[in-house]
PDB file of N, CA and C in Angstrom:
ATOM      1  N   MET A   1      -1.397  12.545   2.361  1.00  0.00           N
ATOM      2  CA  MET A   1      -0.940  11.706   2.188  1.00  0.00           C
ATOM      3  C   MET A   1       0.978  12.390   2.741  1.00  0.00           C
ATOM      4  N   GLN A   2       1.083  11.395   3.941  1.00  0.00           N
ATOM      5  CA  GLN A   2       2.627  11.640   4.589  1.00  0.00           C
ATOM      6  C   GLN A   2       3.926  10.781   3.350  1.00  0.00           C
ATOM      7  N   TYR A   3       4.227  11.900   2.904  1.00  0.00           N
ATOM      8  CA  TYR A   3       5.600  10.637   2.199  1.00  0.00           C
ATOM      9  C   TYR A   3       7.352  10.294   2.674  1.00  0.00           C
ATOM     10  N   SER A   4       8.018   9.498   2.610  1.00  0.00           N
ATOM     11  CA  SER A   4       9.229   9.540   3.546  1.00  0.00           C
ATOM     12  C   SER A   4      10.131  10.138   2.776  1.00  0.00           C
ATOM     13  N   GLU A   5      10.974  10.521   3.466  1.00  0.00           N
ATOM     14  CA  GLU A   5      12.247  11.616   2.441  1.00  0.00           C
ATOM     15  C   GLU A   5      12.754  10.605   1.013  1.00  0.00           C
ATOM     16  N   ARG A   6      13.431   9.227   1.965  1.00  0.00           N
ATOM     17  CA  ARG A   6      13.331   8.043   0.515  1.00  0.00           C
ATOM     18  C   ARG A   6      12.369   8.318  -0.324  1.00  0.00           C
ATOM     19  N   HIS A   7      11.218   7.880   0.206  1.00  0.00           N
ATOM     20  CA  HIS A   7       9.746   8.593  -0.901  1.00  0.00           C
ATOM     21  C   HIS A   7       9.801   9.040  -1.939  1.00  0.00           C
ATOM     22  N   LEU A   8      10.412  11.033  -1.555  1.00  0.00           N
ATOM     23  CA  LEU A   8      10.731  11.779  -2.202  1.00  0.00           C
ATOM     24  C   LEU A   8      11.647  12.298  -3.217  1.00  0.00           C
ATOM     25  N   LYS A   9      12.518  11.557  -2.532  1.00  0.00           N
ATOM     26  CA  LYS A   9      14.280  11.454  -3.714  1.00  0.00           C
ATOM     27  C   LYS A   9      14.201  10.687  -4.605  1.00  0.00           C
ATOM     28  N   GLN A  10      13.699   8.937  -4.391  1.00  0.00           N
ATOM     29  CA  GLN A  10      12.778   8.621  -5.399  1.00  0.00           C
ATOM     30  C   GLN A  10      11.900   8.754  -6.397  1.00  0.00           C
ATOM     31  N   TRP A  11      11.341   9.656  -6.282  1.00  0.00           N
ATOM     32  CA  TRP A  11      10.551  10.066  -6.590  1.00  0.00           C
ATOM     33  C   TRP A  11      11.136  11.564  -7.659  1.00  0.00           C
ATOM     34  N   VAL A  12      11.531  12.440  -7.455  1.00  0.00           N
ATOM     35  CA  VAL A  12      12.324  13.286  -7.887  1.00  0.00           C
ATOM     36  C   VAL A  12      13.199  12.665  -9.127  1.00  0.00           C
ATOM     37  N   ILE A  13      14.023  11.547  -8.470  1.00  0.00           N
ATOM     38  CA  ILE A  13      14.778  11.147  -9.640  1.00  0.00           C
ATOM     39  C   ILE A  13      14.527  10.519 -10.680  1.00  0.00           C
ATOM     40  N   LEU A  14      13.191   9.874 -10.462  1.00  0.00           N
ATOM     41  CA  LEU A  14      12.435   9.217 -11.511  1.00  0.00           C
ATOM     42  C   LEU A  14      11.876  10.637 -12.240  1.00  0.00           C
ATOM     43  N   TYR A  15      11.070  11.659 -12.155  1.00  0.00           N
ATOM     44  CA  TYR A  15      10.525  12.590 -12.672  1.00  0.00           C
ATOM     45  C   TYR A  15      12.147  13.645 -13.513  1.00  0.00           C
ATOM     46  N   LEU A  16      13.410  13.637 -12.613  1.00  0.00           N
ATOM     47  CA  LEU A  16      13.827  14.323 -13.473  1.00  0.00           C
ATOM     48  C   LEU A  16      14.603  13.320 -14.982  1.00  0.00           C
ATOM     49  N   SER A  17      14.805  11.973 -14.464  1.00  0.00           N
ATOM     50  CA  SER A  17      14.915  11.325 -15.318  1.00  0.00           C
ATOM     51  C   SER A  17      13.951  11.040 -16.774  1.00  0.00           C
ATOM     52  N   GLN A  18      12.656  11.029 -16.116  1.00  0.00           N
ATOM     53  CA  GLN A  18      11.970  11.045 -17.644  1.00  0.00           C
ATOM     54  C   GLN A  18      11.142  12.503 -18.327  1.00  0.00           C
ATOM     55  N   ASP A  19      12.312  13.855 -17.912  1.00  0.00           N
ATOM     56  CA  ASP A  19      11.768  15.263 -18.034  1.00  0.00           C
ATOM     57  C   ASP A  19      10.882  15.862 -17.440  1.00  0.00           C
ATOM     58  N   GLY A  20      10.509  15.283 -16.608  1.00  0.00           N
ATOM     59  CA  GLY A  20       9.028  15.547 -16.025  1.00  0.00           C
ATOM     60  C   GLY A  20       7.636  15.275 -16.962  1.00  0.00           C
ATOM     61  N   ARG A  21       8.223  13.820 -17.226  1.00  0.00           N
ATOM     62  CA  ARG A  21       7.010  13.939 -18.691  1.00  0.00           C
ATOM     63  C   ARG A  21       6.561  12.240 -17.802  1.00  0.00           C
ATOM     64  N   CYS A  22       5.189  11.819 -18.568  1.00  0.00           N
ATOM     65  CA  CYS A  22       5.004  10.262 -18.597  1.00  0.00           C
ATOM     66  C   CYS A  22       5.501   9.922 -19.142  1.00  0.00           C
ATOM     67  N   ALA A  23       5.408   8.333 -18.465  1.00  0.00           N
ATOM     68  CA  ALA A  23       6.313   6.993 -19.268  1.00  0.00           C
ATOM     69  C   ALA A  23       5.523   6.461 -20.348  1.00  0.00           C
ATOM     70  N   LEU A  24       3.982   7.044 -20.198  1.00  0.00           N
ATOM     71  CA  LEU A  24       2.946   6.168 -21.170  1.00  0.00           C
ATOM     72  C   LEU A  24       2.374   7.191 -22.394  1.00  0.00           C
ATOM     73  N   CYS A  25       2.273   8.538 -22.025  1.00  0.00           N
ATOM     74  CA  CYS A  25       1.462   9.442 -23.003  1.00  0.00           C
ATOM     75  C   CYS A  25       2.769  10.506 -23.098  1.00  0.00           C
ATOM     76  N   GLY A  26       3.701  10.569 -22.566  1.00  0.00           N
ATOM     77  CA  GLY A  26       4.352  11.643 -22.650  1.00  0.00           C
ATOM     78  C   GLY A  26       3.940  13.645 -22.651  1.00  0.00           C
ATOM     79  N   GLY A  27       3.239  13.620 -21.754  1.00  0.00           N
ATOM     80  CA  GLY A  27       2.540  14.483 -21.429  1.00  0.00           C
ATOM     81  C   GLY A  27       3.492  15.258 -20.217  1.00  0.00           C
ATOM     82  N   ALA A  28       2.853  16.643 -19.357  1.00  0.00           N
ATOM     83  CA  ALA A  28       3.763  16.751 -18.418  1.00  0.00           C
ATOM     84  C   ALA A  28       3.099  15.823 -17.172  1.00  0.00           C
ATOM     85  N   LEU A  29       4.111  15.716 -16.190  1.00  0.00           N
ATOM     86  CA  LEU A  29       3.360  15.620 -14.910  1.00  0.00           C
ATOM     87  C   LEU A  29       3.705  16.716 -14.412  1.00  0.00           C
ATOM     88  N   THR A  30       2.635  17.383 -13.230  1.00  0.00           N
ATOM     89  CA  THR A  30       1.987  18.631 -12.951  1.00  0.00           C
ATOM     90  C   THR A  30       1.397  17.836 -11.438  1.00  0.00           C
ATOM     91  N   ASP A  31       1.308  19.578 -10.434  1.00  0.00           N
ATOM     92  CA  ASP A  31       0.727  19.197  -8.835  1.00  0.00           C
ATOM     93  C   ASP A  31      -0.520  18.559  -9.641  1.00  0.00           C
ATOM     94  N   GLU A  32      -0.996  19.315 -10.656  1.00  0.00           N
ATOM     95  CA  GLU A  32      -2.818  19.544 -11.113  1.00  0.00           C
ATOM     96  C   GLU A  32      -3.386  17.595 -11.595  1.00  0.00           C
ATOM     97  N   THR A  33      -2.279  17.471 -12.749  1.00  0.00           N
ATOM     98  CA  THR A  33      -2.003  16.164 -13.230  1.00  0.00           C
ATOM     99  C   THR A  33      -2.005  15.264 -12.255  1.00  0.00           C
ATOM    100  N   GLY A  34      -1.217  14.838 -11.169  1.00  0.00           N
ATOM    101  CA  GLY A  34      -0.328  14.415 -10.024  1.00  0.00           C
ATOM    102  C   GLY A  34       0.825  12.929 -11.297  1.00  0.00           C
ATOM    103  N   SER A  35       0.644  11.691  -9.784  1.00  0.00           N
ATOM    104  CA  SER A  35       1.324  11.045 -10.523  1.00  0.00           C
ATOM    105  C   SER A  35       1.314  10.129 -10.008  1.00  0.00           C
ATOM    106  N   HIS A  36       1.502   8.598 -10.712  1.00  0.00           N
ATOM    107  CA  HIS A  36       1.728   7.353  -9.914  1.00  0.00           C
ATOM    108  C   HIS A  36       3.238   7.016 -10.160  1.00  0.00           C
ATOM    109  N   ASN A  37       3.478   6.341  -9.097  1.00  0.00           N
ATOM    110  CA  ASN A  37       4.675   5.556  -9.244  1.00  0.00           C
ATOM    111  C   ASN A  37       4.251   3.868  -9.280  1.00  0.00           C
ATOM    112  N   HIS A  38       4.316   3.871 -11.047  1.00  0.00           N
ATOM    113  CA  HIS A  38       4.735   1.738 -11.377  1.00  0.00           C
ATOM    114  C   HIS A  38       5.292   1.530 -11.892  1.00  0.00           C
ATOM    115  N   ASN A  39       5.750  -0.186 -11.177  1.00  0.00           N
ATOM    116  CA  ASN A  39       6.971  -0.779 -11.005  1.00  0.00           C
ATOM    117  C   ASN A  39       6.088  -1.473 -12.688  1.00  0.00           C
ATOM    118  N   LEU A  40       6.875  -1.304 -13.459  1.00  0.00           N
ATOM    119  CA  LEU A  40       7.012  -2.003 -14.789  1.00  0.00           C
ATOM    120  C   LEU A  40       6.674  -3.177 -15.093  1.00  0.00           C
ATOM    121  N   VAL A  41       7.509  -3.758 -13.954  1.00  0.00           N
ATOM    122  CA  VAL A  41       7.463  -5.901 -13.663  1.00  0.00           C
ATOM    123  C   VAL A  41       7.082  -5.669 -12.386  1.00  0.00           C
ATOM    124  N   TYR A  42       5.682  -6.389 -12.615  1.00  0.00           N
ATOM    125  CA  TYR A  42       5.019  -5.742 -10.622  1.00  0.00           C
ATOM    126  C   TYR A  42       5.525  -6.900 -10.468  1.00  0.00           C
ATOM    127  N   ARG A  43       5.557  -6.715  -8.636  1.00  0.00           N
ATOM    128  CA  ARG A  43       6.491  -7.489  -7.488  1.00  0.00           C
ATOM    129  C   ARG A  43       5.662  -8.491  -7.455  1.00  0.00           C
ATOM    130  N   MET A  44       4.505  -8.912  -7.726  1.00  0.00           N
ATOM    131  CA  MET A  44       3.665 -10.318  -7.665  1.00  0.00           C
ATOM    132  C   MET A  44       4.238 -10.955  -8.454  1.00  0.00           C
ATOM    133  N   HIS A  45       5.391 -10.228 -10.002  1.00  0.00           N
ATOM    134  CA  HIS A  45       5.842 -11.141 -10.922  1.00  0.00           C
ATOM    135  C   HIS A  45       7.315 -11.147 -11.256  1.00  0.00           C
ATOM    136  N   GLY A  46       7.607 -10.879  -9.245  1.00  0.00           N
ATOM    137  CA  GLY A  46       9.405 -11.294  -9.827  1.00  0.00           C
ATOM    138  C   GLY A  46       9.599  -9.769  -9.697  1.00  0.00           C
ATOM    139  N   GLY A  47       9.176  -9.021 -10.123  1.00  0.00           N
ATOM    140  CA  GLY A  47       9.866  -7.492  -9.781  1.00  0.00           C
ATOM    141  C   GLY A  47      10.081  -6.841  -8.932  1.00  0.00           C
ATOM    142  N   THR A  48      10.783  -6.024  -8.816  1.00  0.00           N
ATOM    143  CA  THR A  48      11.766  -5.050  -7.789  1.00  0.00           C
ATOM    144  C   THR A  48      10.909  -3.790  -7.753  1.00  0.00           C
ATOM    145  N   ASP A  49      11.220  -2.972  -6.475  1.00  0.00           N
ATOM    146  CA  ASP A  49      11.392  -1.553  -6.126  1.00  0.00           C
ATOM    147  C   ASP A  49      12.170  -1.402  -6.765  1.00  0.00           C
ATOM    148  N   ALA A  50      13.064  -1.237  -7.556  1.00  0.00           N
ATOM    149  CA  ALA A  50      14.074  -0.711  -7.876  1.00  0.00           C
ATOM    150  C   ALA A  50      14.231   0.461  -9.232  1.00  0.00           C
ATOM    151  N   LEU A  51      14.430   1.459  -9.170  1.00  0.00           N
ATOM    152  CA  LEU A  51      14.168   2.577 -10.049  1.00  0.00           C
ATOM    153  C   LEU A  51      14.432   2.034 -11.068  1.00  0.00           C
ATOM    154  N   SER A  52      15.550   1.703 -11.578  1.00  0.00           N
ATOM    155  CA  SER A  52      15.093   0.844 -12.867  1.00  0.00           C
ATOM    156  C   SER A  52      14.180  -0.132 -13.327  1.00  0.00           C
ATOM    157  N   ASN A  53      13.572  -0.200 -12.468  1.00  0.00           N
ATOM    158  CA  ASN A  53      11.489  -1.140 -12.656  1.00  0.00           C
ATOM    159  C   ASN A  53      10.481  -0.230 -12.628  1.00  0.00           C
ATOM    160  N   ARG A  54      11.091   1.318 -12.436  1.00  0.00           N
ATOM    161  CA  ARG A  54       9.473   1.719 -12.026  1.00  0.00           C
ATOM    162  C   ARG A  54       9.607   3.236 -12.570  1.00  0.00           C
ATOM    163  N   VAL A  55       8.748   3.379 -13.070  1.00  0.00           N
ATOM    164  CA  VAL A  55       8.195   4.693 -13.954  1.00  0.00           C
ATOM    165  C   VAL A  55       7.070   5.438 -13.262  1.00  0.00           C
ATOM    166  N   LEU A  56       7.031   6.788 -13.588  1.00  0.00           N
ATOM    167  CA  LEU A  56       5.996   7.901 -12.941  1.00  0.00           C
ATOM    168  C   LEU A  56       4.620   7.817 -14.104  1.00  0.00           C
ATOM    169  N   LEU A  57       3.548   8.017 -13.877  1.00  0.00           N
ATOM    170  CA  LEU A  57       2.555   8.142 -14.736  1.00  0.00           C
ATOM    171  C   LEU A  57       1.382   9.126 -14.205  1.00  0.00           C
ATOM    172  N   HIS A  58       0.766   9.253 -15.315  1.00  0.00           N
ATOM    173  CA  HIS A  58      -0.487   9.898 -15.031  1.00  0.00           C
ATOM    174  C   HIS A  58      -0.634   9.148 -14.084  1.00  0.00           C
ATOM    175  N   PRO A  59      -2.291   9.402 -13.136  1.00  0.00           N
ATOM    176  CA  PRO A  59      -2.600   8.533 -12.343  1.00  0.00           C
ATOM    177  C   PRO A  59      -4.298   7.687 -13.799  1.00  0.00           C
ATOM    178  N   HIS A  60      -4.369   8.461 -14.453  1.00  0.00           N
ATOM    179  CA  HIS A  60      -5.075   7.674 -15.597  1.00  0.00           C
ATOM    180  C   HIS A  60      -4.725   6.840 -16.383  1.00  0.00           C
ATOM    181  N   GLY A  61      -3.077   7.004 -16.434  1.00  0.00           N
ATOM    182  CA  GLY A  61      -2.561   6.032 -17.295  1.00  0.00           C
ATOM    183  C   GLY A  61      -2.414   4.711 -16.477  1.00  0.00           C
ATOM    184  N   HIS A  62      -2.227   5.449 -15.016  1.00  0.00           N
ATOM    185  CA  HIS A  62      -2.188   3.620 -13.968  1.00  0.00           C
ATOM    186  C   HIS A  62      -2.700   2.726 -14.258  1.00  0.00           C
ATOM    187  N   GLN A  63      -4.128   3.338 -14.171  1.00  0.00           N
ATOM    188  CA  GLN A  63      -5.402   2.551 -14.053  1.00  0.00           C
ATOM    189  C   GLN A  63      -5.080   1.346 -15.423  1.00  0.00           C
TER     190      GLN A  63
END
């Protein structure tokens, strides 16, 4: 999957702000585990794509 430069910068900001850890379980986010960008308040419920409304989770935690 190709990511835009903007998306990559935002992912790095979230990753560093979370010390490279999943916001749900606290486990390390690695290339092997992967990560998903999750909106805390879903957009369909009025949430935004602002970084303050997003966290990184392991793919299994995102489900």
